All heavy atoms as atom14 arrays in JSON, in Angstrom:
{
  "sequence": "FRQAPGKVREFVASISRSGASIYYADSPKGRFTISRDNAKNTV",
  "atom14_mask": [
    [1, 1, 1, 1, 1, 1, 1, 1, 1, 1, 1, 0, 0, 0],
    [1, 1, 1, 1, 1, 1, 1, 1, 1, 1, 1, 0, 0, 0],
    [1, 1, 1, 1, 1, 1, 1, 1, 1, 0, 0, 0, 0, 0],
    [1, 1, 1, 1, 1, 0, 0, 0, 0, 0, 0, 0, 0, 0],
    [1, 1, 1, 1, 1, 1, 1, 0, 0, 0, 0, 0, 0, 0],
    [1, 1, 1, 1, 0, 0, 0, 0, 0, 0, 0, 0, 0, 0],
    [1, 1, 1, 1, 1, 1, 1, 1, 1, 0, 0, 0, 0, 0],
    [1, 1, 1, 1, 1, 1, 1, 0, 0, 0, 0, 0, 0, 0],
    [1, 1, 1, 1, 1, 1, 1, 1, 1, 1, 1, 0, 0, 0],
    [1, 1, 1, 1, 1, 1, 1, 1, 1, 0, 0, 0, 0, 0],
    [1, 1, 1, 1, 1, 1, 1, 1, 1, 1, 1, 0, 0, 0],
    [1, 1, 1, 1, 1, 1, 1, 0, 0, 0, 0, 0, 0, 0],
    [1, 1, 1, 1, 1, 0, 0, 0, 0, 0, 0, 0, 0, 0],
    [1, 1, 1, 1, 1, 1, 0, 0, 0, 0, 0, 0, 0, 0],
    [1, 1, 1, 1, 1, 1, 1, 1, 0, 0, 0, 0, 0, 0],
    [1, 1, 1, 1, 1, 1, 0, 0, 0, 0, 0, 0, 0, 0],
    [1, 1, 1, 1, 1, 1, 1, 1, 1, 1, 1, 0, 0, 0],
    [1, 1, 1, 1, 1, 1, 0, 0, 0, 0, 0, 0, 0, 0],
    [1, 1, 1, 1, 0, 0, 0, 0, 0, 0, 0, 0, 0, 0],
    [1, 1, 1, 1, 1, 0, 0, 0, 0, 0, 0, 0, 0, 0],
    [1, 1, 1, 1, 1, 1, 0, 0, 0, 0, 0, 0, 0, 0],
    [1, 1, 1, 1, 1, 1, 1, 1, 0, 0, 0, 0, 0, 0],
    [1, 1, 1, 1, 1, 1, 1, 1, 1, 1, 1, 1, 0, 0],
    [1, 1, 1, 1, 1, 1, 1, 1, 1, 1, 1, 1, 0, 0],
    [1, 1, 1, 1, 1, 0, 0, 0, 0, 0, 0, 0, 0, 0],
    [1, 1, 1, 1, 1, 1, 1, 1, 0, 0, 0, 0, 0, 0],
    [1, 1, 1, 1, 1, 1, 0, 0, 0, 0, 0, 0, 0, 0],
    [1, 1, 1, 1, 1, 1, 1, 0, 0, 0, 0, 0, 0, 0],
    [1, 1, 1, 1, 1, 1, 1, 1, 1, 0, 0, 0, 0, 0],
    [1, 1, 1, 1, 0, 0, 0, 0, 0, 0, 0, 0, 0, 0],
    [1, 1, 1, 1, 1, 1, 1, 1, 1, 1, 1, 0, 0, 0],
    [1, 1, 1, 1, 1, 1, 1, 1, 1, 1, 1, 0, 0, 0],
    [1, 1, 1, 1, 1, 1, 1, 0, 0, 0, 0, 0, 0, 0],
    [1, 1, 1, 1, 1, 1, 1, 1, 0, 0, 0, 0, 0, 0],
    [1, 1, 1, 1, 1, 1, 0, 0, 0, 0, 0, 0, 0, 0],
    [1, 1, 1, 1, 1, 1, 1, 1, 1, 1, 1, 0, 0, 0],
    [1, 1, 1, 1, 1, 1, 1, 1, 0, 0, 0, 0, 0, 0],
    [1, 1, 1, 1, 1, 1, 1, 1, 0, 0, 0, 0, 0, 0],
    [1, 1, 1, 1, 1, 0, 0, 0, 0, 0, 0, 0, 0, 0],
    [1, 1, 1, 1, 1, 1, 1, 1, 1, 0, 0, 0, 0, 0],
    [1, 1, 1, 1, 1, 1, 1, 1, 0, 0, 0, 0, 0, 0],
    [1, 1, 1, 1, 1, 1, 1, 0, 0, 0, 0, 0, 0, 0],
    [1, 1, 1, 1, 1, 1, 1, 0, 0, 0, 0, 0, 0, 0]
  ],
  "atom14_positions": [
    [[91.6, 156.89, 109.43], [92.64, 157.8, 108.98], [91.97, 158.91, 108.19], [90.8, 158.78, 107.79], [93.66, 157.06, 108.1], [94.46, 156.03, 108.84], [93.93, 154.78, 109.13], [95.75, 156.3, 109.25], [94.65, 153.83, 109.82], [96.49, 155.36, 109.94], [95.94, 154.12, 110.22], [0.0, 0.0, 0.0], [0.0, 0.0, 0.0], [0.0, 0.0, 0.0]],
    [[92.71, 159.98, 107.95], [92.16, 161.06, 107.13], [93.27, 161.67, 106.28], [94.44, 161.61, 106.63], [91.49, 162.12, 107.99], [92.43, 162.91, 108.9], [91.63, 163.82, 109.82], [92.49, 164.62, 110.68], [92.05, 165.42, 111.65], [90.75, 165.52, 111.89], [92.91, 166.11, 112.38], [0.0, 0.0, 0.0], [0.0, 0.0, 0.0], [0.0, 0.0, 0.0]],
    [[92.84, 162.25, 105.17], [93.79, 162.9, 104.26], [93.17, 164.18, 103.74], [92.13, 164.15, 103.06], [94.18, 161.97, 103.11], [95.28, 162.52, 102.24], [95.87, 161.46, 101.32], [95.28, 160.4, 101.08], [97.05, 161.73, 100.8], [0.0, 0.0, 0.0], [0.0, 0.0, 0.0], [0.0, 0.0, 0.0], [0.0, 0.0, 0.0], [0.0, 0.0, 0.0]],
    [[93.81, 165.28, 104.06], [93.39, 166.59, 103.57], [94.12, 166.88, 102.27], [95.19, 166.31, 102.01], [93.69, 167.65, 104.61], [0.0, 0.0, 0.0], [0.0, 0.0, 0.0], [0.0, 0.0, 0.0], [0.0, 0.0, 0.0], [0.0, 0.0, 0.0], [0.0, 0.0, 0.0], [0.0, 0.0, 0.0], [0.0, 0.0, 0.0], [0.0, 0.0, 0.0]],
    [[93.58, 167.76, 101.45], [94.23, 168.1, 100.17], [95.67, 168.56, 100.38], [95.94, 169.43, 101.23], [93.36, 169.21, 99.62], [92.02, 168.98, 100.23], [92.3, 168.46, 101.61], [0.0, 0.0, 0.0], [0.0, 0.0, 0.0], [0.0, 0.0, 0.0], [0.0, 0.0, 0.0], [0.0, 0.0, 0.0], [0.0, 0.0, 0.0], [0.0, 0.0, 0.0]],
    [[96.6, 167.96, 99.63], [97.99, 168.36, 99.71], [98.74, 167.85, 100.92], [99.91, 168.21, 101.12], [0.0, 0.0, 0.0], [0.0, 0.0, 0.0], [0.0, 0.0, 0.0], [0.0, 0.0, 0.0], [0.0, 0.0, 0.0], [0.0, 0.0, 0.0], [0.0, 0.0, 0.0], [0.0, 0.0, 0.0], [0.0, 0.0, 0.0], [0.0, 0.0, 0.0]],
    [[98.09, 167.01, 101.73], [98.73, 166.49, 102.93], [98.79, 164.97, 102.89], [98.06, 164.33, 102.14], [97.98, 166.95, 104.18], [98.01, 168.46, 104.39], [97.39, 168.84, 105.72], [97.49, 170.33, 105.96], [96.91, 170.72, 107.29], [0.0, 0.0, 0.0], [0.0, 0.0, 0.0], [0.0, 0.0, 0.0], [0.0, 0.0, 0.0], [0.0, 0.0, 0.0]],
    [[99.67, 164.41, 103.71], [99.76, 162.96, 103.77], [98.62, 162.41, 104.61], [98.02, 163.12, 105.43], [101.11, 162.51, 104.36], [102.27, 163.01, 103.5], [101.27, 163.0, 105.79], [0.0, 0.0, 0.0], [0.0, 0.0, 0.0], [0.0, 0.0, 0.0], [0.0, 0.0, 0.0], [0.0, 0.0, 0.0], [0.0, 0.0, 0.0], [0.0, 0.0, 0.0]],
    [[98.31, 161.13, 104.39], [97.28, 160.48, 105.18], [97.75, 160.38, 106.62], [98.89, 159.99, 106.88], [97.0, 159.09, 104.61], [95.8, 158.4, 105.2], [95.44, 157.16, 104.42], [95.08, 157.48, 103.04], [94.56, 156.58, 102.19], [94.37, 155.32, 102.58], [94.27, 156.94, 100.96], [0.0, 0.0, 0.0], [0.0, 0.0, 0.0], [0.0, 0.0, 0.0]],
    [[96.89, 160.72, 107.55], [97.27, 160.71, 108.96], [96.33, 159.86, 109.8], [95.14, 159.75, 109.51], [97.32, 162.13, 109.52], [96.0, 162.85, 109.58], [96.1, 164.21, 110.28], [97.21, 164.62, 110.67], [95.05, 164.86, 110.43], [0.0, 0.0, 0.0], [0.0, 0.0, 0.0], [0.0, 0.0, 0.0], [0.0, 0.0, 0.0], [0.0, 0.0, 0.0]],
    [[96.89, 159.32, 110.85], [96.15, 158.51, 111.79], [95.16, 159.36, 112.58], [95.49, 160.47, 113.0], [97.14, 157.83, 112.75], [96.53, 157.15, 113.92], [95.9, 155.92, 113.77], [96.58, 157.71, 115.18], [95.34, 155.28, 114.87], [96.04, 157.08, 116.28], [95.41, 155.86, 116.12], [0.0, 0.0, 0.0], [0.0, 0.0, 0.0], [0.0, 0.0, 0.0]],
    [[93.96, 158.83, 112.78], [92.96, 159.5, 113.6], [92.69, 158.71, 114.87], [92.78, 159.24, 115.98], [91.65, 159.69, 112.81], [90.57, 160.3, 113.72], [91.88, 160.57, 111.59], [0.0, 0.0, 0.0], [0.0, 0.0, 0.0], [0.0, 0.0, 0.0], [0.0, 0.0, 0.0], [0.0, 0.0, 0.0], [0.0, 0.0, 0.0], [0.0, 0.0, 0.0]],
    [[92.33, 157.43, 114.71], [92.0, 156.61, 115.87], [92.06, 155.14, 115.48], [91.91, 154.8, 114.3], [90.61, 156.94, 116.39], [0.0, 0.0, 0.0], [0.0, 0.0, 0.0], [0.0, 0.0, 0.0], [0.0, 0.0, 0.0], [0.0, 0.0, 0.0], [0.0, 0.0, 0.0], [0.0, 0.0, 0.0], [0.0, 0.0, 0.0], [0.0, 0.0, 0.0]],
    [[92.28, 154.28, 116.46], [92.23, 152.84, 116.22], [91.64, 152.14, 117.43], [91.66, 152.67, 118.55], [93.61, 152.28, 115.89], [94.48, 152.41, 117.0], [0.0, 0.0, 0.0], [0.0, 0.0, 0.0], [0.0, 0.0, 0.0], [0.0, 0.0, 0.0], [0.0, 0.0, 0.0], [0.0, 0.0, 0.0], [0.0, 0.0, 0.0], [0.0, 0.0, 0.0]],
    [[91.14, 150.94, 117.18], [90.5, 150.16, 118.23], [90.84, 148.7, 118.02], [90.85, 148.19, 116.9], [88.97, 150.4, 118.2], [88.28, 149.7, 119.37], [88.35, 149.98, 116.87], [86.81, 150.15, 119.54], [0.0, 0.0, 0.0], [0.0, 0.0, 0.0], [0.0, 0.0, 0.0], [0.0, 0.0, 0.0], [0.0, 0.0, 0.0], [0.0, 0.0, 0.0]],
    [[91.16, 148.01, 119.11], [91.52, 146.6, 119.02], [90.29, 145.75, 118.74], [89.15, 146.23, 118.8], [92.18, 146.15, 120.32], [91.27, 146.26, 121.41], [0.0, 0.0, 0.0], [0.0, 0.0, 0.0], [0.0, 0.0, 0.0], [0.0, 0.0, 0.0], [0.0, 0.0, 0.0], [0.0, 0.0, 0.0], [0.0, 0.0, 0.0], [0.0, 0.0, 0.0]],
    [[90.5, 144.48, 118.44], [89.4, 143.59, 118.07], [88.34, 143.51, 119.15], [87.17, 143.35, 118.87], [89.94, 142.21, 117.75], [90.7, 141.54, 118.89], [91.09, 140.11, 118.55], [89.94, 139.22, 118.6], [90.0, 137.9, 118.42], [91.18, 137.34, 118.15], [88.93, 137.15, 118.48], [0.0, 0.0, 0.0], [0.0, 0.0, 0.0], [0.0, 0.0, 0.0]],
    [[88.74, 143.62, 120.39], [87.79, 143.51, 121.5], [87.27, 144.86, 121.96], [86.34, 144.92, 122.76], [88.48, 142.82, 122.69], [89.52, 143.66, 123.17], [0.0, 0.0, 0.0], [0.0, 0.0, 0.0], [0.0, 0.0, 0.0], [0.0, 0.0, 0.0], [0.0, 0.0, 0.0], [0.0, 0.0, 0.0], [0.0, 0.0, 0.0], [0.0, 0.0, 0.0]],
    [[87.91, 145.93, 121.48], [87.57, 147.27, 121.98], [88.3, 147.63, 123.26], [88.09, 148.71, 123.81], [0.0, 0.0, 0.0], [0.0, 0.0, 0.0], [0.0, 0.0, 0.0], [0.0, 0.0, 0.0], [0.0, 0.0, 0.0], [0.0, 0.0, 0.0], [0.0, 0.0, 0.0], [0.0, 0.0, 0.0], [0.0, 0.0, 0.0], [0.0, 0.0, 0.0]],
    [[89.16, 146.72, 123.75], [89.84, 146.95, 125.02], [90.93, 148.01, 124.91], [91.26, 148.67, 125.9], [90.44, 145.65, 125.53], [0.0, 0.0, 0.0], [0.0, 0.0, 0.0], [0.0, 0.0, 0.0], [0.0, 0.0, 0.0], [0.0, 0.0, 0.0], [0.0, 0.0, 0.0], [0.0, 0.0, 0.0], [0.0, 0.0, 0.0], [0.0, 0.0, 0.0]],
    [[91.51, 148.17, 123.72], [92.54, 149.2, 123.52], [92.08, 150.17, 122.45], [91.64, 149.76, 121.37], [93.86, 148.55, 123.07], [94.46, 147.87, 124.12], [0.0, 0.0, 0.0], [0.0, 0.0, 0.0], [0.0, 0.0, 0.0], [0.0, 0.0, 0.0], [0.0, 0.0, 0.0], [0.0, 0.0, 0.0], [0.0, 0.0, 0.0], [0.0, 0.0, 0.0]],
    [[92.19, 151.43, 122.76], [91.8, 152.51, 121.85], [92.89, 153.58, 121.88], [93.38, 153.94, 122.96], [90.44, 153.11, 122.26], [89.31, 152.11, 121.99], [90.18, 154.41, 121.51], [87.95, 152.57, 122.46], [0.0, 0.0, 0.0], [0.0, 0.0, 0.0], [0.0, 0.0, 0.0], [0.0, 0.0, 0.0], [0.0, 0.0, 0.0], [0.0, 0.0, 0.0]],
    [[93.24, 154.07, 120.71], [94.23, 155.14, 120.6], [93.66, 156.26, 119.74], [92.92, 156.01, 118.79], [95.53, 154.63, 119.99], [96.25, 153.63, 120.85], [96.2, 152.27, 120.56], [96.98, 154.03, 121.96], [96.85, 151.34, 121.34], [97.64, 153.11, 122.75], [97.57, 151.77, 122.45], [98.22, 150.85, 123.23], [0.0, 0.0, 0.0], [0.0, 0.0, 0.0]],
    [[94.06, 157.47, 120.06], [93.67, 158.64, 119.29], [94.91, 159.46, 118.96], [95.85, 159.54, 119.76], [92.69, 159.53, 120.07], [91.37, 158.89, 120.37], [91.11, 158.31, 121.61], [90.36, 158.86, 119.41], [89.89, 157.72, 121.89], [89.13, 158.28, 119.69], [88.91, 157.7, 120.92], [87.71, 157.11, 121.18], [0.0, 0.0, 0.0], [0.0, 0.0, 0.0]],
    [[94.87, 160.13, 117.82], [95.87, 161.15, 117.54], [95.6, 162.33, 118.46], [94.5, 162.48, 119.01], [95.77, 161.57, 116.08], [0.0, 0.0, 0.0], [0.0, 0.0, 0.0], [0.0, 0.0, 0.0], [0.0, 0.0, 0.0], [0.0, 0.0, 0.0], [0.0, 0.0, 0.0], [0.0, 0.0, 0.0], [0.0, 0.0, 0.0], [0.0, 0.0, 0.0]],
    [[96.6, 163.18, 118.63], [96.45, 164.31, 119.55], [95.36, 165.28, 119.12], [94.61, 165.79, 119.96], [97.78, 165.04, 119.69], [98.81, 164.26, 120.47], [98.41, 163.35, 121.22], [100.01, 164.55, 120.32], [0.0, 0.0, 0.0], [0.0, 0.0, 0.0], [0.0, 0.0, 0.0], [0.0, 0.0, 0.0], [0.0, 0.0, 0.0], [0.0, 0.0, 0.0]],
    [[95.26, 165.53, 117.82], [94.34, 166.55, 117.34], [92.87, 166.25, 117.68], [92.17, 167.12, 118.19], [94.51, 166.75, 115.83], [93.55, 167.67, 115.34], [0.0, 0.0, 0.0], [0.0, 0.0, 0.0], [0.0, 0.0, 0.0], [0.0, 0.0, 0.0], [0.0, 0.0, 0.0], [0.0, 0.0, 0.0], [0.0, 0.0, 0.0], [0.0, 0.0, 0.0]],
    [[92.38, 165.04, 117.4], [90.97, 164.77, 117.69], [90.68, 164.29, 119.11], [89.52, 164.1, 119.46], [90.62, 163.68, 116.68], [91.89, 162.96, 116.45], [92.98, 163.98, 116.59], [0.0, 0.0, 0.0], [0.0, 0.0, 0.0], [0.0, 0.0, 0.0], [0.0, 0.0, 0.0], [0.0, 0.0, 0.0], [0.0, 0.0, 0.0], [0.0, 0.0, 0.0]],
    [[91.72, 164.09, 119.9], [91.52, 163.53, 121.24], [90.59, 164.42, 122.05], [90.74, 165.65, 122.1], [92.86, 163.39, 121.94], [92.81, 162.56, 123.22], [94.2, 162.38, 123.8], [95.1, 161.59, 122.89], [96.45, 161.37, 123.47], [0.0, 0.0, 0.0], [0.0, 0.0, 0.0], [0.0, 0.0, 0.0], [0.0, 0.0, 0.0], [0.0, 0.0, 0.0]],
    [[89.6, 163.8, 122.68], [88.63, 164.53, 123.47], [87.43, 164.99, 122.67], [86.41, 165.39, 123.25], [0.0, 0.0, 0.0], [0.0, 0.0, 0.0], [0.0, 0.0, 0.0], [0.0, 0.0, 0.0], [0.0, 0.0, 0.0], [0.0, 0.0, 0.0], [0.0, 0.0, 0.0], [0.0, 0.0, 0.0], [0.0, 0.0, 0.0], [0.0, 0.0, 0.0]],
    [[87.52, 164.94, 121.35], [86.4, 165.35, 120.48], [85.84, 164.18, 119.69], [84.65, 164.17, 119.38], [86.86, 166.44, 119.51], [87.38, 167.69, 120.19], [87.71, 168.78, 119.16], [88.79, 168.39, 118.26], [88.66, 168.31, 116.94], [87.51, 168.61, 116.36], [89.7, 167.96, 116.19], [0.0, 0.0, 0.0], [0.0, 0.0, 0.0], [0.0, 0.0, 0.0]],
    [[86.68, 163.23, 119.35], [86.26, 162.07, 118.55], [86.22, 160.84, 119.43], [87.01, 160.68, 120.37], [87.25, 161.82, 117.41], [87.28, 162.86, 116.32], [86.57, 164.04, 116.43], [88.03, 162.64, 115.18], [86.6, 165.0, 115.43], [88.08, 163.59, 114.16], [87.37, 164.77, 114.3], [0.0, 0.0, 0.0], [0.0, 0.0, 0.0], [0.0, 0.0, 0.0]],
    [[85.31, 159.92, 119.09], [85.2, 158.65, 119.8], [85.07, 157.52, 118.78], [84.17, 157.54, 117.94], [83.99, 158.63, 120.73], [84.08, 159.71, 121.67], [83.92, 157.3, 121.49], [0.0, 0.0, 0.0], [0.0, 0.0, 0.0], [0.0, 0.0, 0.0], [0.0, 0.0, 0.0], [0.0, 0.0, 0.0], [0.0, 0.0, 0.0], [0.0, 0.0, 0.0]],
    [[85.97, 156.56, 118.88], [85.89, 155.38, 118.03], [85.22, 154.26, 118.82], [85.44, 154.11, 120.03], [87.29, 154.94, 117.53], [87.18, 153.84, 116.48], [88.19, 154.53, 118.68], [88.51, 153.51, 115.79], [0.0, 0.0, 0.0], [0.0, 0.0, 0.0], [0.0, 0.0, 0.0], [0.0, 0.0, 0.0], [0.0, 0.0, 0.0], [0.0, 0.0, 0.0]],
    [[84.4, 153.48, 118.14], [83.74, 152.35, 118.78], [83.45, 151.31, 117.72], [83.58, 151.57, 116.52], [82.45, 152.78, 119.47], [81.52, 153.3, 118.53], [0.0, 0.0, 0.0], [0.0, 0.0, 0.0], [0.0, 0.0, 0.0], [0.0, 0.0, 0.0], [0.0, 0.0, 0.0], [0.0, 0.0, 0.0], [0.0, 0.0, 0.0], [0.0, 0.0, 0.0]],
    [[83.09, 150.12, 118.16], [82.79, 149.06, 117.19], [81.67, 148.19, 117.72], [81.48, 148.05, 118.94], [84.03, 148.22, 116.91], [84.57, 147.42, 118.09], [85.92, 146.79, 117.74], [85.81, 145.83, 116.65], [86.86, 145.42, 115.93], [88.07, 145.91, 116.15], [86.68, 144.54, 114.96], [0.0, 0.0, 0.0], [0.0, 0.0, 0.0], [0.0, 0.0, 0.0]],
    [[80.94, 147.6, 116.79], [79.88, 146.65, 117.1], [80.19, 145.4, 116.28], [79.9, 145.34, 115.08], [78.52, 147.24, 116.73], [77.38, 146.35, 117.15], [77.59, 145.13, 117.34], [76.25, 146.86, 117.28], [0.0, 0.0, 0.0], [0.0, 0.0, 0.0], [0.0, 0.0, 0.0], [0.0, 0.0, 0.0], [0.0, 0.0, 0.0], [0.0, 0.0, 0.0]],
    [[80.78, 144.42, 116.93], [81.2, 143.23, 116.2], [80.01, 142.42, 115.68], [80.13, 141.7, 114.69], [82.1, 142.36, 117.07], [83.48, 142.96, 117.27], [83.9, 143.84, 116.51], [84.19, 142.5, 118.28], [0.0, 0.0, 0.0], [0.0, 0.0, 0.0], [0.0, 0.0, 0.0], [0.0, 0.0, 0.0], [0.0, 0.0, 0.0], [0.0, 0.0, 0.0]],
    [[78.88, 142.55, 116.32], [77.69, 141.84, 115.84], [77.19, 142.41, 114.52], [76.54, 141.72, 113.74], [76.59, 141.91, 116.89], [0.0, 0.0, 0.0], [0.0, 0.0, 0.0], [0.0, 0.0, 0.0], [0.0, 0.0, 0.0], [0.0, 0.0, 0.0], [0.0, 0.0, 0.0], [0.0, 0.0, 0.0], [0.0, 0.0, 0.0], [0.0, 0.0, 0.0]],
    [[77.51, 143.69, 114.27], [77.08, 144.35, 113.04], [78.23, 144.54, 112.06], [78.05, 145.18, 111.02], [76.46, 145.71, 113.37], [75.18, 145.63, 114.18], [74.59, 147.02, 114.43], [73.28, 146.92, 115.2], [72.7, 148.27, 115.46], [0.0, 0.0, 0.0], [0.0, 0.0, 0.0], [0.0, 0.0, 0.0], [0.0, 0.0, 0.0], [0.0, 0.0, 0.0]],
    [[79.41, 144.03, 112.39], [80.59, 144.19, 111.53], [80.83, 145.66, 111.19], [81.19, 145.99, 110.05], [80.43, 143.39, 110.23], [80.76, 141.92, 110.42], [80.9, 141.45, 111.54], [80.86, 141.2, 109.32], [0.0, 0.0, 0.0], [0.0, 0.0, 0.0], [0.0, 0.0, 0.0], [0.0, 0.0, 0.0], [0.0, 0.0, 0.0], [0.0, 0.0, 0.0]],
    [[80.66, 146.52, 112.16], [80.73, 147.96, 111.91], [81.59, 148.66, 112.95], [81.52, 148.34, 114.14], [79.32, 148.58, 111.9], [78.54, 147.93, 110.88], [79.37, 150.06, 111.61], [0.0, 0.0, 0.0], [0.0, 0.0, 0.0], [0.0, 0.0, 0.0], [0.0, 0.0, 0.0], [0.0, 0.0, 0.0], [0.0, 0.0, 0.0], [0.0, 0.0, 0.0]],
    [[82.39, 149.6, 112.46], [83.16, 150.48, 113.33], [82.67, 151.9, 113.09], [82.29, 152.25, 111.97], [84.67, 150.35, 113.07], [85.05, 150.73, 111.66], [85.48, 151.15, 114.09], [0.0, 0.0, 0.0], [0.0, 0.0, 0.0], [0.0, 0.0, 0.0], [0.0, 0.0, 0.0], [0.0, 0.0, 0.0], [0.0, 0.0, 0.0], [0.0, 0.0, 0.0]]
  ]
}
């Protein structure tokens, strides 16, 4: 998620536990990529 000064916190992207489902907000779609490495406990 992200929050700009004076604005509400907004959704950017999410990923399911397996990585099988990924969603993006319209603004970053096509520019941002979410991924995860469960072996490293990192998104």
